[in-house]
Amino acid sequence: MATKYSDLELAINTLVTEFHKAADDRPTMNTTQFQTMISNQLPGFAKTVETEAGLGQVLEQMGVQSGQSISFENFWTLINKQAIQLFSATHKEKNANCGCLLQ
């Protein structure tokens, strides 16, 4: 009997799968691979990383130093920030706050 996964489990699997696909099955990716993945998978966020300045800001927020490759841990930091922003935007009218910050 096949295991039935929850929507959350499937979403996590998608995040991991898409990261590694974009990184050509390597543990890290370069900025070009990152920009392509963002463009394909997060089109609402893609405009942010289209410019060098925007890309630099996002990499800094993710903890990526200049010239350093992007790890899944760096990517997960971005996903956390995007999740908080999306939650805040969609729950603004309900006065809900998300304290989901990574330590």
Protein backbone atom coordinates (compact mmCIF):
# COMPACT_ATOMS: atom_id res chain seq x y z
CA MET A 1 0.00 0.00 0.00
CA ALA A 2 1.40 3.40 -1.00
CA THR A 3 2.08 5.97 1.67
CA LYS A 4 -0.14 9.02 1.47
CA TYR A 5 1.77 12.22 2.15
CA SER A 6 0.28 15.43 3.48
CA ASP A 7 0.30 18.67 1.51
CA LEU A 8 3.04 19.97 3.81
CA GLU A 9 5.22 16.89 3.25
CA LEU A 10 4.71 17.21 -0.51
CA ALA A 11 5.62 20.92 -0.38
CA ILE A 12 8.84 20.19 1.52
CA ASN A 13 9.69 17.47 -0.99
CA THR A 14 9.10 19.94 -3.83
CA LEU A 15 11.42 22.54 -2.24
CA VAL A 16 14.22 20.02 -1.83
CA THR A 17 13.70 18.48 -5.28
CA GLU A 18 13.60 21.82 -7.11
CA PHE A 19 16.72 23.05 -5.31
CA HIS A 20 18.74 19.98 -6.28
CA LYS A 21 17.37 19.98 -9.83
CA ALA A 22 18.43 23.62 -10.24
CA ALA A 23 21.85 22.79 -8.72
CA ASP A 24 22.34 19.93 -11.21
CA ASP A 25 22.13 17.45 -8.30
CA ARG A 26 25.01 19.12 -6.48
CA PRO A 27 24.88 20.30 -2.85
CA THR A 28 25.22 23.96 -3.87
CA MET A 29 24.35 26.19 -6.82
CA ASN A 30 25.82 29.30 -8.40
CA THR A 31 23.98 32.60 -8.73
CA THR A 32 22.92 31.94 -12.33
CA GLN A 33 21.31 28.63 -11.34
CA PHE A 34 19.70 30.39 -8.38
CA GLN A 35 18.24 33.17 -10.55
CA THR A 36 16.89 30.61 -13.03
CA MET A 37 15.27 28.57 -10.25
CA ILE A 38 13.71 31.68 -8.70
CA SER A 39 12.42 32.79 -12.10
CA ASN A 40 10.85 29.38 -12.74
CA GLN A 41 9.61 28.51 -9.25
CA LEU A 42 8.96 31.85 -7.51
CA PRO A 43 7.84 34.19 -10.30
CA GLY A 44 6.28 36.62 -7.84
CA PHE A 45 9.69 37.07 -6.23
CA ALA A 46 11.76 36.87 -9.43
CA LYS A 47 11.85 40.63 -10.09
CA THR A 48 13.77 41.06 -6.83
CA VAL A 49 16.78 39.08 -8.12
CA GLU A 50 16.77 40.33 -11.74
CA THR A 51 19.24 43.14 -11.00
CA GLU A 52 22.73 42.78 -9.54
CA ALA A 53 21.74 45.04 -6.63
CA GLY A 54 18.59 43.03 -5.89
CA LEU A 55 20.44 39.73 -6.18
CA GLY A 56 23.16 41.04 -3.87
CA GLN A 57 20.60 42.02 -1.24
CA VAL A 58 18.88 38.63 -1.38
CA LEU A 59 22.20 36.77 -1.16
CA GLU A 60 23.19 38.88 1.85
CA GLN A 61 19.86 38.13 3.57
CA MET A 62 20.48 34.44 2.92
CA GLY A 63 23.96 34.63 4.48
CA VAL A 64 25.81 34.05 1.21
CA GLN A 65 29.18 35.80 1.01
CA SER A 66 30.46 37.30 -2.24
CA GLY A 67 31.61 34.56 -4.61
CA GLN A 68 30.22 31.80 -2.38
CA SER A 69 27.89 29.09 -3.69
CA ILE A 70 24.31 28.86 -2.42
CA SER A 71 23.54 25.89 -0.17
CA PHE A 72 20.15 24.44 0.66
CA GLU A 73 20.51 25.99 4.12
CA ASN A 74 20.88 29.42 2.48
CA PHE A 75 17.84 28.71 0.30
CA TRP A 76 15.83 27.58 3.34
CA THR A 77 16.59 30.94 4.98
CA LEU A 78 15.03 32.65 1.95
CA ILE A 79 11.99 30.36 2.07
CA ASN A 80 11.51 31.21 5.74
CA LYS A 81 11.60 34.95 5.01
CA GLN A 82 9.21 34.57 2.08
CA ALA A 83 6.81 32.45 4.14
CA ILE A 84 6.66 35.09 6.88
CA GLN A 85 6.05 37.87 4.34
CA LEU A 86 3.36 35.87 2.55
CA PHE A 87 1.66 34.97 5.82
CA SER A 88 1.72 38.60 6.95
CA ALA A 89 0.32 39.81 3.63
CA THR A 90 -2.49 37.25 3.52
CA HIS A 91 -3.42 37.55 7.19
CA LYS A 92 -3.09 41.31 7.58
CA GLU A 93 -6.82 41.81 7.98
CA LYS A 94 -6.93 39.24 10.80
CA ASN A 95 -4.19 40.99 12.85
CA ALA A 96 -2.20 37.75 12.91
CA ASN A 97 1.57 37.83 13.40
CA CYS A 98 4.07 35.12 12.56
CA GLY A 99 7.04 34.71 14.88
CA CYS A 100 8.60 32.06 12.64
CA LEU A 101 12.17 33.38 12.63
CA LEU A 102 15.16 31.10 12.17
CA GLN A 103 17.80 31.28 14.87
